[in-house]
Amino acid sequence: MNPGLILFLLLWLAGVGLSCAGVHILYGPGWALIAGGIASFAACGFIRKGMTGG
């Protein structure tokens, strides 16, 4: 498997996990978890653009 694809999938899973945990808590540290999920999804976008050459 391509290392970029593995990193993309791991970041995507981390983003989903952080976002779900943040929505579940939604008080105090929940907002930090949501921000971490958004940052993880942004990193996924950059990796995807790099893999597709766009």
PDB file of N, CA and C in Angstrom:
ATOM      1  N   MET A   1       0.837  -1.197   0.000  1.00  0.00           N
ATOM      2  CA  MET A   1       0.000   0.000   0.000  1.00  0.00           C
ATOM      3  C   MET A   1       0.872   1.247   0.000  1.00  0.00           C
ATOM      4  N   ASN A   2       0.357   2.262  -0.596  1.00  0.00           N
ATOM      5  CA  ASN A   2       1.044   3.541  -0.676  1.00  0.00           C
ATOM      6  C   ASN A   2       1.102   4.188   0.718  1.00  0.00           C
ATOM      7  N   PRO A   3       2.284   4.662   1.154  1.00  0.00           N
ATOM      8  CA  PRO A   3       2.365   5.302   2.473  1.00  0.00           C
ATOM      9  C   PRO A   3       1.480   6.542   2.589  1.00  0.00           C
ATOM     10  N   GLY A   4       1.310   7.271   1.485  1.00  0.00           N
ATOM     11  CA  GLY A   4       0.427   8.435   1.508  1.00  0.00           C
ATOM     12  C   GLY A   4      -1.020   8.038   1.770  1.00  0.00           C
ATOM     13  N   LEU A   5      -1.432   6.937   1.188  1.00  0.00           N
ATOM     14  CA  LEU A   5      -2.798   6.458   1.396  1.00  0.00           C
ATOM     15  C   LEU A   5      -3.010   6.004   2.840  1.00  0.00           C
ATOM     16  N   ILE A   6      -2.006   5.335   3.397  1.00  0.00           N
ATOM     17  CA  ILE A   6      -2.101   4.908   4.797  1.00  0.00           C
ATOM     18  C   ILE A   6      -2.205   6.110   5.715  1.00  0.00           C
ATOM     19  N   LEU A   7      -1.370   7.127   5.475  1.00  0.00           N
ATOM     20  CA  LEU A   7      -1.417   8.340   6.291  1.00  0.00           C
ATOM     21  C   LEU A   7      -2.756   9.055   6.135  1.00  0.00           C
ATOM     22  N   PHE A   8      -3.276   9.095   4.907  1.00  0.00           N
ATOM     23  CA  PHE A   8      -4.574   9.701   4.656  1.00  0.00           C
ATOM     24  C   PHE A   8      -5.664   8.995   5.454  1.00  0.00           C
ATOM     25  N   LEU A   9      -5.672   7.669   5.421  1.00  0.00           N
ATOM     26  CA  LEU A   9      -6.695   6.911   6.135  1.00  0.00           C
ATOM     27  C   LEU A   9      -6.579   7.072   7.647  1.00  0.00           C
ATOM     28  N   LEU A  10      -5.353   7.086   8.156  1.00  0.00           N
ATOM     29  CA  LEU A  10      -5.174   7.274   9.600  1.00  0.00           C
ATOM     30  C   LEU A  10      -5.626   8.655  10.043  1.00  0.00           C
ATOM     31  N   LEU A  11      -5.301   9.679   9.262  1.00  0.00           N
ATOM     32  CA  LEU A  11      -5.748  11.028   9.610  1.00  0.00           C
ATOM     33  C   LEU A  11      -7.264  11.154   9.506  1.00  0.00           C
ATOM     34  N   TRP A  12      -7.853  10.489   8.522  1.00  0.00           N
ATOM     35  CA  TRP A  12      -9.302  10.537   8.380  1.00  0.00           C
ATOM     36  C   TRP A  12      -9.982   9.869   9.573  1.00  0.00           C
ATOM     37  N   LEU A  13      -9.451   8.711   9.981  1.00  0.00           N
ATOM     38  CA  LEU A  13     -10.013   8.022  11.148  1.00  0.00           C
ATOM     39  C   LEU A  13      -9.843   8.847  12.422  1.00  0.00           C
ATOM     40  N   ALA A  14      -8.690   9.497  12.557  1.00  0.00           N
ATOM     41  CA  ALA A  14      -8.472  10.354  13.722  1.00  0.00           C
ATOM     42  C   ALA A  14      -9.438  11.538  13.706  1.00  0.00           C
ATOM     43  N   GLY A  15      -9.680  12.101  12.526  1.00  0.00           N
ATOM     44  CA  GLY A  15     -10.616  13.219  12.424  1.00  0.00           C
ATOM     45  C   GLY A  15     -12.034  12.822  12.786  1.00  0.00           C
ATOM     46  N   VAL A  16     -12.444  11.662  12.311  1.00  0.00           N
ATOM     47  CA  VAL A  16     -13.786  11.183  12.646  1.00  0.00           C
ATOM     48  C   VAL A  16     -13.900  10.908  14.142  1.00  0.00           C
ATOM     49  N   GLY A  17     -12.885  10.269  14.701  1.00  0.00           N
ATOM     50  CA  GLY A  17     -12.913   9.969  16.128  1.00  0.00           C
ATOM     51  C   GLY A  17     -12.915  11.224  16.989  1.00  0.00           C
ATOM     52  N   LEU A  18     -12.071  12.184  16.647  1.00  0.00           N
ATOM     53  CA  LEU A  18     -12.026  13.423  17.415  1.00  0.00           C
ATOM     54  C   LEU A  18     -13.330  14.201  17.294  1.00  0.00           C
ATOM     55  N   SER A  19     -13.878  14.249  16.101  1.00  0.00           N
ATOM     56  CA  SER A  19     -15.128  14.989  15.901  1.00  0.00           C
ATOM     57  C   SER A  19     -16.284  14.332  16.661  1.00  0.00           C
ATOM     58  N   CYS A  20     -16.374  13.018  16.590  1.00  0.00           N
ATOM     59  CA  CYS A  20     -17.449  12.325  17.306  1.00  0.00           C
ATOM     60  C   CYS A  20     -17.304  12.480  18.813  1.00  0.00           C
ATOM     61  N   ALA A  21     -16.079  12.382  19.316  1.00  0.00           N
ATOM     62  CA  ALA A  21     -15.867  12.564  20.755  1.00  0.00           C
ATOM     63  C   ALA A  21     -16.180  13.991  21.169  1.00  0.00           C
ATOM     64  N   GLY A  22     -15.818  14.953  20.338  1.00  0.00           N
ATOM     65  CA  GLY A  22     -16.101  16.349  20.653  1.00  0.00           C
ATOM     66  C   GLY A  22     -17.577  16.650  20.679  1.00  0.00           C
ATOM     67  N   VAL A  23     -18.324  16.093  19.746  1.00  0.00           N
ATOM     68  CA  VAL A  23     -19.775  16.299  19.739  1.00  0.00           C
ATOM     69  C   VAL A  23     -20.414  15.590  20.923  1.00  0.00           C
ATOM     70  N   HIS A  24     -19.863  14.454  21.293  1.00  0.00           N
ATOM     71  CA  HIS A  24     -20.408  13.717  22.439  1.00  0.00           C
ATOM     72  C   HIS A  24     -20.219  14.506  23.739  1.00  0.00           C
ATOM     73  N   ILE A  25     -19.063  15.130  23.904  1.00  0.00           N
ATOM     74  CA  ILE A  25     -18.793  15.897  25.123  1.00  0.00           C
ATOM     75  C   ILE A  25     -19.430  17.285  25.013  1.00  0.00           C
ATOM     76  N   LEU A  26     -19.082  18.022  23.982  1.00  0.00           N
ATOM     77  CA  LEU A  26     -19.620  19.350  23.648  1.00  0.00           C
ATOM     78  C   LEU A  26     -19.631  20.317  24.834  1.00  0.00           C
ATOM     79  N   TYR A  27     -18.639  20.197  25.690  1.00  0.00           N
ATOM     80  CA  TYR A  27     -18.515  21.119  26.811  1.00  0.00           C
ATOM     81  C   TYR A  27     -17.038  21.183  27.167  1.00  0.00           C
ATOM     82  N   GLY A  28     -16.477  22.361  27.228  1.00  0.00           N
ATOM     83  CA  GLY A  28     -15.075  22.528  27.592  1.00  0.00           C
ATOM     84  C   GLY A  28     -14.134  21.872  26.605  1.00  0.00           C
ATOM     85  N   PRO A  29     -13.580  20.696  26.944  1.00  0.00           N
ATOM     86  CA  PRO A  29     -12.611  20.062  26.042  1.00  0.00           C
ATOM     87  C   PRO A  29     -13.245  19.532  24.757  1.00  0.00           C
ATOM     88  N   GLY A  30     -14.543  19.454  24.704  1.00  0.00           N
ATOM     89  CA  GLY A  30     -15.208  18.992  23.484  1.00  0.00           C
ATOM     90  C   GLY A  30     -14.929  19.899  22.301  1.00  0.00           C
ATOM     91  N   TRP A  31     -14.874  21.199  22.564  1.00  0.00           N
ATOM     92  CA  TRP A  31     -14.589  22.141  21.480  1.00  0.00           C
ATOM     93  C   TRP A  31     -13.162  21.970  20.964  1.00  0.00           C
ATOM     94  N   ALA A  32     -12.232  21.644  21.841  1.00  0.00           N
ATOM     95  CA  ALA A  32     -10.857  21.378  21.413  1.00  0.00           C
ATOM     96  C   ALA A  32     -10.794  20.102  20.574  1.00  0.00           C
ATOM     97  N   LEU A  33     -11.597  19.101  20.932  1.00  0.00           N
ATOM     98  CA  LEU A  33     -11.635  17.869  20.142  1.00  0.00           C
ATOM     99  C   LEU A  33     -12.212  18.126  18.760  1.00  0.00           C
ATOM    100  N   ILE A  34     -13.241  18.955  18.677  1.00  0.00           N
ATOM    101  CA  ILE A  34     -13.828  19.297  17.381  1.00  0.00           C
ATOM    102  C   ILE A  34     -12.815  20.049  16.533  1.00  0.00           C
ATOM    103  N   ALA A  35     -12.075  20.982  17.141  1.00  0.00           N
ATOM    104  CA  ALA A  35     -11.043  21.720  16.410  1.00  0.00           C
ATOM    105  C   ALA A  35      -9.943  20.778  15.918  1.00  0.00           C
ATOM    106  N   GLY A  36      -9.582  19.790  16.740  1.00  0.00           N
ATOM    107  CA  GLY A  36      -8.605  18.800  16.310  1.00  0.00           C
ATOM    108  C   GLY A  36      -9.109  17.961  15.151  1.00  0.00           C
ATOM    109  N   GLY A  37     -10.396  17.631  15.168  1.00  0.00           N
ATOM    110  CA  GLY A  37     -10.979  16.887  14.045  1.00  0.00           C
ATOM    111  C   GLY A  37     -10.969  17.692  12.768  1.00  0.00           C
ATOM    112  N   ILE A  38     -11.274  18.979  12.867  1.00  0.00           N
ATOM    113  CA  ILE A  38     -11.257  19.846  11.683  1.00  0.00           C
ATOM    114  C   ILE A  38      -9.839  19.968  11.143  1.00  0.00           C
ATOM    115  N   ALA A  39      -8.856  20.107  12.032  1.00  0.00           N
ATOM    116  CA  ALA A  39      -7.463  20.190  11.596  1.00  0.00           C
ATOM    117  C   ALA A  39      -7.028  18.884  10.924  1.00  0.00           C
ATOM    118  N   SER A  40      -7.498  17.764  11.442  1.00  0.00           N
ATOM    119  CA  SER A  40      -7.159  16.478  10.843  1.00  0.00           C
ATOM    120  C   SER A  40      -7.777  16.343   9.453  1.00  0.00           C
ATOM    121  N   PHE A  41      -9.017  16.801   9.300  1.00  0.00           N
ATOM    122  CA  PHE A  41      -9.639  16.766   7.974  1.00  0.00           C
ATOM    123  C   PHE A  41      -8.926  17.700   6.999  1.00  0.00           C
ATOM    124  N   ALA A  42      -8.426  18.836   7.481  1.00  0.00           N
ATOM    125  CA  ALA A  42      -7.672  19.744   6.614  1.00  0.00           C
ATOM    126  C   ALA A  42      -6.375  19.080   6.149  1.00  0.00           C
ATOM    127  N   ALA A  43      -5.704  18.374   7.056  1.00  0.00           N
ATOM    128  CA  ALA A  43      -4.487  17.660   6.671  1.00  0.00           C
ATOM    129  C   ALA A  43      -4.806  16.562   5.659  1.00  0.00           C
ATOM    130  N   CYS A  44      -5.948  15.909   5.812  1.00  0.00           N
ATOM    131  CA  CYS A  44      -6.376  14.892   4.837  1.00  0.00           C
ATOM    132  C   CYS A  44      -6.552  15.506   3.459  1.00  0.00           C
ATOM    133  N   GLY A  45      -7.108  16.709   3.423  1.00  0.00           N
ATOM    134  CA  GLY A  45      -7.304  17.382   2.144  1.00  0.00           C
ATOM    135  C   GLY A  45      -5.991  17.670   1.440  1.00  0.00           C
ATOM    136  N   PHE A  46      -4.986  18.109   2.192  1.00  0.00           N
ATOM    137  CA  PHE A  46      -3.681  18.376   1.587  1.00  0.00           C
ATOM    138  C   PHE A  46      -3.024  17.097   1.089  1.00  0.00           C
ATOM    139  N   ILE A  47      -3.142  16.029   1.859  1.00  0.00           N
ATOM    140  CA  ILE A  47      -2.540  14.753   1.426  1.00  0.00           C
ATOM    141  C   ILE A  47      -3.255  14.222   0.194  1.00  0.00           C
ATOM    142  N   ARG A  48      -4.583  14.344   0.159  1.00  0.00           N
ATOM    143  CA  ARG A  48      -5.336  13.870  -1.007  1.00  0.00           C
ATOM    144  C   ARG A  48      -4.952  14.652  -2.262  1.00  0.00           C
ATOM    145  N   LYS A  49      -4.794  15.972  -2.118  1.00  0.00           N
ATOM    146  CA  LYS A  49      -4.384  16.791  -3.262  1.00  0.00           C
ATOM    147  C   LYS A  49      -2.993  16.375  -3.741  1.00  0.00           C
ATOM    148  N   GLY A  50      -2.103  16.051  -2.801  1.00  0.00           N
ATOM    149  CA  GLY A  50      -0.771  15.614  -3.176  1.00  0.00           C
ATOM    150  C   GLY A  50      -0.773  14.262  -3.866  1.00  0.00           C
ATOM    151  N   MET A  51      -1.670  13.366  -3.451  1.00  0.00           N
ATOM    152  CA  MET A  51      -1.723  12.037  -4.070  1.00  0.00           C
ATOM    153  C   MET A  51      -2.315  12.098  -5.470  1.00  0.00           C
ATOM    154  N   THR A  52      -3.277  12.999  -5.692  1.00  0.00           N
ATOM    155  CA  THR A  52      -3.908  13.060  -7.007  1.00  0.00           C
ATOM    156  C   THR A  52      -3.158  13.980  -7.960  1.00  0.00           C
ATOM    157  N   GLY A  53      -2.196  14.734  -7.439  1.00  0.00           N
ATOM    158  CA  GLY A  53      -1.414  15.615  -8.299  1.00  0.00           C
ATOM    159  C   GLY A  53      -2.136  16.889  -8.674  1.00  0.00           C
ATOM    160  N   GLY A  54      -3.183  17.249  -7.910  1.00  0.00           N
ATOM    161  CA  GLY A  54      -3.970  18.433  -8.242  1.00  0.00           C
ATOM    162  C   GLY A  54      -3.481  19.591  -7.487  1.00  0.00           C
TER     163      GLY A  54
END
